[in-house]
Amino acid sequence: MALEAGYTALNETPAAQVDLLGQSLQMPLAQRESAAYRAMATLPLYTGVRITRGIDAATAGLEAARLGETADGQ
């Protein structure tokens, strides 16, 4: 999990200026000050049944431990 935050403050508002047929048009492109936040989680889409096999192995280990307790108790 990754969390990020950022803040930008500029001296002037960014703008684009277009000259068309003798007319000048200026359009703001962004705010002069802005904040941004982001949270990202990375999860596998496909693990090739690795997770399932890991669970199976843990279950087998638990059963083996239970059988070991039974054998030691006799």
PDB file of N, CA and C in Angstrom:
ATOM      1  N   MET A   1       0.858  -1.159   0.000  1.00  0.00           N
ATOM      2  CA  MET A   1       0.000   0.000   0.000  1.00  0.00           C
ATOM      3  C   MET A   1       0.910   1.228   0.000  1.00  0.00           C
ATOM      4  N   ALA A   2       0.608   2.167  -0.847  1.00  0.00           N
ATOM      5  CA  ALA A   2       1.382   3.401  -0.936  1.00  0.00           C
ATOM      6  C   ALA A   2       0.433   4.591  -0.830  1.00  0.00           C
ATOM      7  N   LEU A   3       0.792   5.552  -0.004  1.00  0.00           N
ATOM      8  CA  LEU A   3       0.027   6.786   0.137  1.00  0.00           C
ATOM      9  C   LEU A   3       0.918   7.949  -0.266  1.00  0.00           C
ATOM     10  N   GLU A   4       0.390   8.849  -1.072  1.00  0.00           N
ATOM     11  CA  GLU A   4       1.164   9.997  -1.534  1.00  0.00           C
ATOM     12  C   GLU A   4       0.312  11.254  -1.446  1.00  0.00           C
ATOM     13  N   ALA A   5       0.982  12.370  -1.218  1.00  0.00           N
ATOM     14  CA  ALA A   5       0.302  13.667  -1.213  1.00  0.00           C
ATOM     15  C   ALA A   5       1.248  14.689  -1.825  1.00  0.00           C
ATOM     16  N   GLY A   6       0.684  15.688  -2.468  1.00  0.00           N
ATOM     17  CA  GLY A   6       1.500  16.731  -3.074  1.00  0.00           C
ATOM     18  C   GLY A   6       0.763  18.057  -3.089  1.00  0.00           C
ATOM     19  N   TYR A   7       1.529  19.138  -3.079  1.00  0.00           N
ATOM     20  CA  TYR A   7       0.952  20.478  -3.120  1.00  0.00           C
ATOM     21  C   TYR A   7       1.775  21.305  -4.094  1.00  0.00           C
ATOM     22  N   THR A   8       1.116  22.025  -4.971  1.00  0.00           N
ATOM     23  CA  THR A   8       1.793  22.861  -5.963  1.00  0.00           C
ATOM     24  C   THR A   8       1.321  24.296  -5.813  1.00  0.00           C
ATOM     25  N   ALA A   9       2.271  25.220  -5.767  1.00  0.00           N
ATOM     26  CA  ALA A   9       1.954  26.650  -5.733  1.00  0.00           C
ATOM     27  C   ALA A   9       2.818  27.340  -6.795  1.00  0.00           C
ATOM     28  N   LEU A  10       2.163  28.036  -7.734  1.00  0.00           N
ATOM     29  CA  LEU A  10       2.860  28.718  -8.823  1.00  0.00           C
ATOM     30  C   LEU A  10       2.746  30.229  -8.649  1.00  0.00           C
ATOM     31  N   ASN A  11       3.676  30.968  -9.237  1.00  0.00           N
ATOM     32  CA  ASN A  11       3.622  32.434  -9.183  1.00  0.00           C
ATOM     33  C   ASN A  11       2.438  32.980  -9.971  1.00  0.00           C
ATOM     34  N   GLU A  12       2.149  32.335 -11.092  1.00  0.00           N
ATOM     35  CA  GLU A  12       1.055  32.779 -11.959  1.00  0.00           C
ATOM     36  C   GLU A  12       0.206  31.584 -12.358  1.00  0.00           C
ATOM     37  N   THR A  13      -1.051  31.857 -12.706  1.00  0.00           N
ATOM     38  CA  THR A  13      -1.927  30.804 -13.194  1.00  0.00           C
ATOM     39  C   THR A  13      -1.460  30.366 -14.574  1.00  0.00           C
ATOM     40  N   PRO A  14      -1.215  29.055 -14.777  1.00  0.00           N
ATOM     41  CA  PRO A  14      -0.803  28.595 -16.106  1.00  0.00           C
ATOM     42  C   PRO A  14      -1.924  28.818 -17.122  1.00  0.00           C
ATOM     43  N   ALA A  15      -1.556  29.326 -18.274  1.00  0.00           N
ATOM     44  CA  ALA A  15      -2.571  29.639 -19.285  1.00  0.00           C
ATOM     45  C   ALA A  15      -2.009  29.389 -20.677  1.00  0.00           C
ATOM     46  N   ALA A  16      -2.921  29.199 -21.605  1.00  0.00           N
ATOM     47  CA  ALA A  16      -2.562  29.066 -23.014  1.00  0.00           C
ATOM     48  C   ALA A  16      -3.105  30.289 -23.744  1.00  0.00           C
ATOM     49  N   GLN A  17      -2.293  30.834 -24.625  1.00  0.00           N
ATOM     50  CA  GLN A  17      -2.718  31.997 -25.393  1.00  0.00           C
ATOM     51  C   GLN A  17      -2.797  31.608 -26.862  1.00  0.00           C
ATOM     52  N   VAL A  18      -3.934  31.948 -27.493  1.00  0.00           N
ATOM     53  CA  VAL A  18      -4.169  31.619 -28.892  1.00  0.00           C
ATOM     54  C   VAL A  18      -4.474  32.916 -29.642  1.00  0.00           C
ATOM     55  N   ASP A  19      -3.778  33.126 -30.749  1.00  0.00           N
ATOM     56  CA  ASP A  19      -4.058  34.268 -31.614  1.00  0.00           C
ATOM     57  C   ASP A  19      -4.754  33.728 -32.857  1.00  0.00           C
ATOM     58  N   LEU A  20      -6.010  34.176 -33.072  1.00  0.00           N
ATOM     59  CA  LEU A  20      -6.797  33.672 -34.185  1.00  0.00           C
ATOM     60  C   LEU A  20      -7.533  34.824 -34.852  1.00  0.00           C
ATOM     61  N   LEU A  21      -7.256  35.057 -36.117  1.00  0.00           N
ATOM     62  CA  LEU A  21      -7.898  36.114 -36.899  1.00  0.00           C
ATOM     63  C   LEU A  21      -7.790  37.482 -36.229  1.00  0.00           C
ATOM     64  N   GLY A  22      -6.607  37.749 -35.699  1.00  0.00           N
ATOM     65  CA  GLY A  22      -6.377  39.052 -35.081  1.00  0.00           C
ATOM     66  C   GLY A  22      -6.908  39.161 -33.658  1.00  0.00           C
ATOM     67  N   GLN A  23      -7.563  38.143 -33.153  1.00  0.00           N
ATOM     68  CA  GLN A  23      -8.061  38.146 -31.777  1.00  0.00           C
ATOM     69  C   GLN A  23      -7.132  37.292 -30.909  1.00  0.00           C
ATOM     70  N   SER A  24      -6.889  37.777 -29.720  1.00  0.00           N
ATOM     71  CA  SER A  24      -6.059  37.041 -28.774  1.00  0.00           C
ATOM     72  C   SER A  24      -6.960  36.476 -27.671  1.00  0.00           C
ATOM     73  N   LEU A  25      -6.842  35.197 -27.452  1.00  0.00           N
ATOM     74  CA  LEU A  25      -7.649  34.524 -26.445  1.00  0.00           C
ATOM     75  C   LEU A  25      -6.717  33.814 -25.476  1.00  0.00           C
ATOM     76  N   GLN A  26      -6.931  34.048 -24.193  1.00  0.00           N
ATOM     77  CA  GLN A  26      -6.111  33.406 -23.172  1.00  0.00           C
ATOM     78  C   GLN A  26      -7.014  32.542 -22.298  1.00  0.00           C
ATOM     79  N   MET A  27      -6.642  31.261 -22.133  1.00  0.00           N
ATOM     80  CA  MET A  27      -7.446  30.327 -21.347  1.00  0.00           C
ATOM     81  C   MET A  27      -6.595  29.751 -20.217  1.00  0.00           C
ATOM     82  N   PRO A  28      -7.116  29.777 -18.983  1.00  0.00           N
ATOM     83  CA  PRO A  28      -6.374  29.147 -17.885  1.00  0.00           C
ATOM     84  C   PRO A  28      -6.348  27.626 -18.062  1.00  0.00           C
ATOM     85  N   LEU A  29      -5.216  27.015 -17.766  1.00  0.00           N
ATOM     86  CA  LEU A  29      -5.070  25.565 -17.900  1.00  0.00           C
ATOM     87  C   LEU A  29      -5.187  24.844 -16.556  1.00  0.00           C
ATOM     88  N   ALA A  30      -4.901  25.550 -15.478  1.00  0.00           N
ATOM     89  CA  ALA A  30      -4.941  24.927 -14.150  1.00  0.00           C
ATOM     90  C   ALA A  30      -5.052  26.037 -13.104  1.00  0.00           C
ATOM     91  N   GLN A  31      -5.270  25.631 -11.875  1.00  0.00           N
ATOM     92  CA  GLN A  31      -5.305  26.602 -10.785  1.00  0.00           C
ATOM     93  C   GLN A  31      -3.883  26.961 -10.374  1.00  0.00           C
ATOM     94  N   ARG A  32      -3.733  28.125  -9.780  1.00  0.00           N
ATOM     95  CA  ARG A  32      -2.409  28.565  -9.340  1.00  0.00           C
ATOM     96  C   ARG A  32      -1.908  27.705  -8.180  1.00  0.00           C
ATOM     97  N   GLU A  33      -2.813  27.269  -7.303  1.00  0.00           N
ATOM     98  CA  GLU A  33      -2.458  26.399  -6.186  1.00  0.00           C
ATOM     99  C   GLU A  33      -3.332  25.155  -6.247  1.00  0.00           C
ATOM    100  N   SER A  34      -2.738  24.006  -5.993  1.00  0.00           N
ATOM    101  CA  SER A  34      -3.521  22.775  -6.017  1.00  0.00           C
ATOM    102  C   SER A  34      -2.890  21.727  -5.108  1.00  0.00           C
ATOM    103  N   ALA A  35      -3.723  20.814  -4.658  1.00  0.00           N
ATOM    104  CA  ALA A  35      -3.273  19.695  -3.827  1.00  0.00           C
ATOM    105  C   ALA A  35      -3.732  18.407  -4.499  1.00  0.00           C
ATOM    106  N   ALA A  36      -2.954  17.368  -4.323  1.00  0.00           N
ATOM    107  CA  ALA A  36      -3.300  16.072  -4.901  1.00  0.00           C
ATOM    108  C   ALA A  36      -2.984  14.979  -3.889  1.00  0.00           C
ATOM    109  N   TYR A  37      -3.832  13.968  -3.852  1.00  0.00           N
ATOM    110  CA  TYR A  37      -3.654  12.838  -2.946  1.00  0.00           C
ATOM    111  C   TYR A  37      -3.869  11.556  -3.739  1.00  0.00           C
ATOM    112  N   ARG A  38      -3.166  10.499  -3.343  1.00  0.00           N
ATOM    113  CA  ARG A  38      -3.310   9.234  -4.050  1.00  0.00           C
ATOM    114  C   ARG A  38      -3.032   8.084  -3.082  1.00  0.00           C
ATOM    115  N   ALA A  39      -3.856   7.052  -3.161  1.00  0.00           N
ATOM    116  CA  ALA A  39      -3.636   5.807  -2.427  1.00  0.00           C
ATOM    117  C   ALA A  39      -3.634   4.674  -3.448  1.00  0.00           C
ATOM    118  N   MET A  40      -2.610   3.818  -3.366  1.00  0.00           N
ATOM    119  CA  MET A  40      -2.500   2.713  -4.321  1.00  0.00           C
ATOM    120  C   MET A  40      -2.275   1.404  -3.577  1.00  0.00           C
ATOM    121  N   ALA A  41      -2.950   0.375  -4.027  1.00  0.00           N
ATOM    122  CA  ALA A  41      -2.736  -0.977  -3.510  1.00  0.00           C
ATOM    123  C   ALA A  41      -2.389  -1.866  -4.695  1.00  0.00           C
ATOM    124  N   THR A  42      -1.375  -2.688  -4.532  1.00  0.00           N
ATOM    125  CA  THR A  42      -0.956  -3.587  -5.597  1.00  0.00           C
ATOM    126  C   THR A  42      -1.325  -5.010  -5.201  1.00  0.00           C
ATOM    127  N   LEU A  43      -2.131  -5.642  -6.024  1.00  0.00           N
ATOM    128  CA  LEU A  43      -2.567  -7.012  -5.778  1.00  0.00           C
ATOM    129  C   LEU A  43      -2.307  -7.849  -7.023  1.00  0.00           C
ATOM    130  N   PRO A  44      -1.919  -9.113  -6.838  1.00  0.00           N
ATOM    131  CA  PRO A  44      -1.688  -9.957  -8.009  1.00  0.00           C
ATOM    132  C   PRO A  44      -3.005 -10.315  -8.696  1.00  0.00           C
ATOM    133  N   LEU A  45      -3.012 -10.296 -10.017  1.00  0.00           N
ATOM    134  CA  LEU A  45      -4.193 -10.719 -10.760  1.00  0.00           C
ATOM    135  C   LEU A  45      -4.235 -12.239 -10.905  1.00  0.00           C
ATOM    136  N   TYR A  46      -3.088 -12.844 -11.098  1.00  0.00           N
ATOM    137  CA  TYR A  46      -3.020 -14.287 -11.270  1.00  0.00           C
ATOM    138  C   TYR A  46      -1.747 -14.791 -10.614  1.00  0.00           C
ATOM    139  N   THR A  47      -1.868 -15.779  -9.738  1.00  0.00           N
ATOM    140  CA  THR A  47      -0.702 -16.294  -9.022  1.00  0.00           C
ATOM    141  C   THR A  47      -0.347 -17.714  -9.421  1.00  0.00           C
ATOM    142  N   GLY A  48      -1.023 -18.244 -10.445  1.00  0.00           N
ATOM    143  CA  GLY A  48      -0.719 -19.610 -10.873  1.00  0.00           C
ATOM    144  C   GLY A  48      -1.043 -20.620  -9.787  1.00  0.00           C
ATOM    145  N   VAL A  49      -2.124 -20.445  -9.094  1.00  0.00           N
ATOM    146  CA  VAL A  49      -2.616 -21.259  -7.972  1.00  0.00           C
ATOM    147  C   VAL A  49      -1.614 -21.365  -6.826  1.00  0.00           C
ATOM    148  N   ARG A  50      -0.643 -20.468  -6.764  1.00  0.00           N
ATOM    149  CA  ARG A  50       0.347 -20.482  -5.700  1.00  0.00           C
ATOM    150  C   ARG A  50      -0.298 -20.264  -4.335  1.00  0.00           C
ATOM    151  N   ILE A  51      -1.257 -19.348  -4.240  1.00  0.00           N
ATOM    152  CA  ILE A  51      -1.917 -19.079  -2.965  1.00  0.00           C
ATOM    153  C   ILE A  51      -2.710 -20.301  -2.517  1.00  0.00           C
ATOM    154  N   THR A  52      -3.441 -20.924  -3.430  1.00  0.00           N
ATOM    155  CA  THR A  52      -4.225 -22.115  -3.091  1.00  0.00           C
ATOM    156  C   THR A  52      -3.322 -23.237  -2.606  1.00  0.00           C
ATOM    157  N   ARG A  53      -2.199 -23.447  -3.288  1.00  0.00           N
ATOM    158  CA  ARG A  53      -1.261 -24.503  -2.872  1.00  0.00           C
ATOM    159  C   ARG A  53      -0.632 -24.173  -1.521  1.00  0.00           C
ATOM    160  N   GLY A  54      -0.398 -22.917  -1.246  1.00  0.00           N
ATOM    161  CA  GLY A  54       0.131 -22.521   0.070  1.00  0.00           C
ATOM    162  C   GLY A  54      -0.858 -22.824   1.183  1.00  0.00           C
ATOM    163  N   ILE A  55      -2.137 -22.584   0.923  1.00  0.00           N
ATOM    164  CA  ILE A  55      -3.176 -22.897   1.908  1.00  0.00           C
ATOM    165  C   ILE A  55      -3.255 -24.405   2.106  1.00  0.00           C
ATOM    166  N   ASP A  56      -3.184 -25.160   1.008  1.00  0.00           N
ATOM    167  CA  ASP A  56      -3.205 -26.624   1.104  1.00  0.00           C
ATOM    168  C   ASP A  56      -2.020 -27.135   1.925  1.00  0.00           C
ATOM    169  N   ALA A  57      -0.845 -26.565   1.727  1.00  0.00           N
ATOM    170  CA  ALA A  57       0.351 -26.984   2.460  1.00  0.00           C
ATOM    171  C   ALA A  57       0.208 -26.661   3.949  1.00  0.00           C
ATOM    172  N   ALA A  58      -0.355 -25.503   4.268  1.00  0.00           N
ATOM    173  CA  ALA A  58      -0.552 -25.140   5.671  1.00  0.00           C
ATOM    174  C   ALA A  58      -1.557 -26.074   6.336  1.00  0.00           C
ATOM    175  N   THR A  59      -2.612 -26.425   5.616  1.00  0.00           N
ATOM    176  CA  THR A  59      -3.615 -27.355   6.144  1.00  0.00           C
ATOM    177  C   THR A  59      -2.988 -28.721   6.386  1.00  0.00           C
ATOM    178  N   ALA A  60      -2.173 -29.194   5.450  1.00  0.00           N
ATOM    179  CA  ALA A  60      -1.501 -30.482   5.614  1.00  0.00           C
ATOM    180  C   ALA A  60      -0.554 -30.442   6.811  1.00  0.00           C
ATOM    181  N   GLY A  61       0.158 -29.334   7.000  1.00  0.00           N
ATOM    182  CA  GLY A  61       1.052 -29.200   8.144  1.00  0.00           C
ATOM    183  C   GLY A  61       0.289 -29.226   9.457  1.00  0.00           C
ATOM    184  N   LEU A  62      -0.874 -28.603   9.491  1.00  0.00           N
ATOM    185  CA  LEU A  62      -1.705 -28.605  10.686  1.00  0.00           C
ATOM    186  C   LEU A  62      -2.187 -30.011  11.009  1.00  0.00           C
ATOM    187  N   GLU A  63      -2.646 -30.726   9.982  1.00  0.00           N
ATOM    188  CA  GLU A  63      -3.099 -32.106  10.186  1.00  0.00           C
ATOM    189  C   GLU A  63      -1.949 -32.993  10.675  1.00  0.00           C
ATOM    190  N   ALA A  64      -0.762 -32.817  10.114  1.00  0.00           N
ATOM    191  CA  ALA A  64       0.400 -33.601  10.542  1.00  0.00           C
ATOM    192  C   ALA A  64       0.734 -33.303  12.001  1.00  0.00           C
ATOM    193  N   ALA A  65       0.633 -32.032  12.394  1.00  0.00           N
ATOM    194  CA  ALA A  65       0.900 -31.672  13.788  1.00  0.00           C
ATOM    195  C   ALA A  65      -0.139 -32.298  14.715  1.00  0.00           C
ATOM    196  N   ARG A  66      -1.388 -32.307  14.316  1.00  0.00           N
ATOM    197  CA  ARG A  66      -2.444 -32.927  15.127  1.00  0.00           C
ATOM    198  C   ARG A  66      -2.197 -34.430  15.271  1.00  0.00           C
ATOM    199  N   LEU A  67      -1.812 -35.091  14.174  1.00  0.00           N
ATOM    200  CA  LEU A  67      -1.516 -36.526  14.245  1.00  0.00           C
ATOM    201  C   LEU A  67      -0.301 -36.793  15.136  1.00  0.00           C
ATOM    202  N   GLY A  68       0.671 -35.880  15.104  1.00  0.00           N
ATOM    203  CA  GLY A  68       1.846 -36.009  15.950  1.00  0.00           C
ATOM    204  C   GLY A  68       1.475 -35.896  17.419  1.00  0.00           C
ATOM    205  N   GLU A  69       0.548 -34.999  17.743  1.00  0.00           N
ATOM    206  CA  GLU A  69       0.093 -34.855  19.130  1.00  0.00           C
ATOM    207  C   GLU A  69      -0.605 -36.139  19.575  1.00  0.00           C
ATOM    208  N   THR A  70      -1.431 -36.722  18.703  1.00  0.00           N
ATOM    209  CA  THR A  70      -2.143 -37.941  19.030  1.00  0.00           C
ATOM    210  C   THR A  70      -1.163 -39.097  19.258  1.00  0.00           C
ATOM    211  N   ALA A  71      -0.160 -39.214  18.404  1.00  0.00           N
ATOM    212  CA  ALA A  71       0.805 -40.296  18.520  1.00  0.00           C
ATOM    213  C   ALA A  71       1.641 -40.124  19.794  1.00  0.00           C
ATOM    214  N   ASP A  72       2.004 -38.896  20.172  1.00  0.00           N
ATOM    215  CA  ASP A  72       2.800 -38.657  21.365  1.00  0.00           C
ATOM    216  C   ASP A  72       2.005 -38.913  22.637  1.00  0.00           C
ATOM    217  N   GLY A  73       0.681 -38.707  22.546  1.00  0.00           N
ATOM    218  CA  GLY A  73      -0.164 -38.856  23.731  1.00  0.00           C
ATOM    219  C   GLY A  73      -0.499 -40.291  24.049  1.00  0.00           C
ATOM    220  N   GLN A  74      -0.207 -41.250  23.184  1.00  0.00           N
ATOM    221  CA  GLN A  74      -0.574 -42.649  23.448  1.00  0.00           C
ATOM    222  C   GLN A  74       0.482 -43.373  24.194  1.00  0.00           C
TER     223      GLN A  74
END
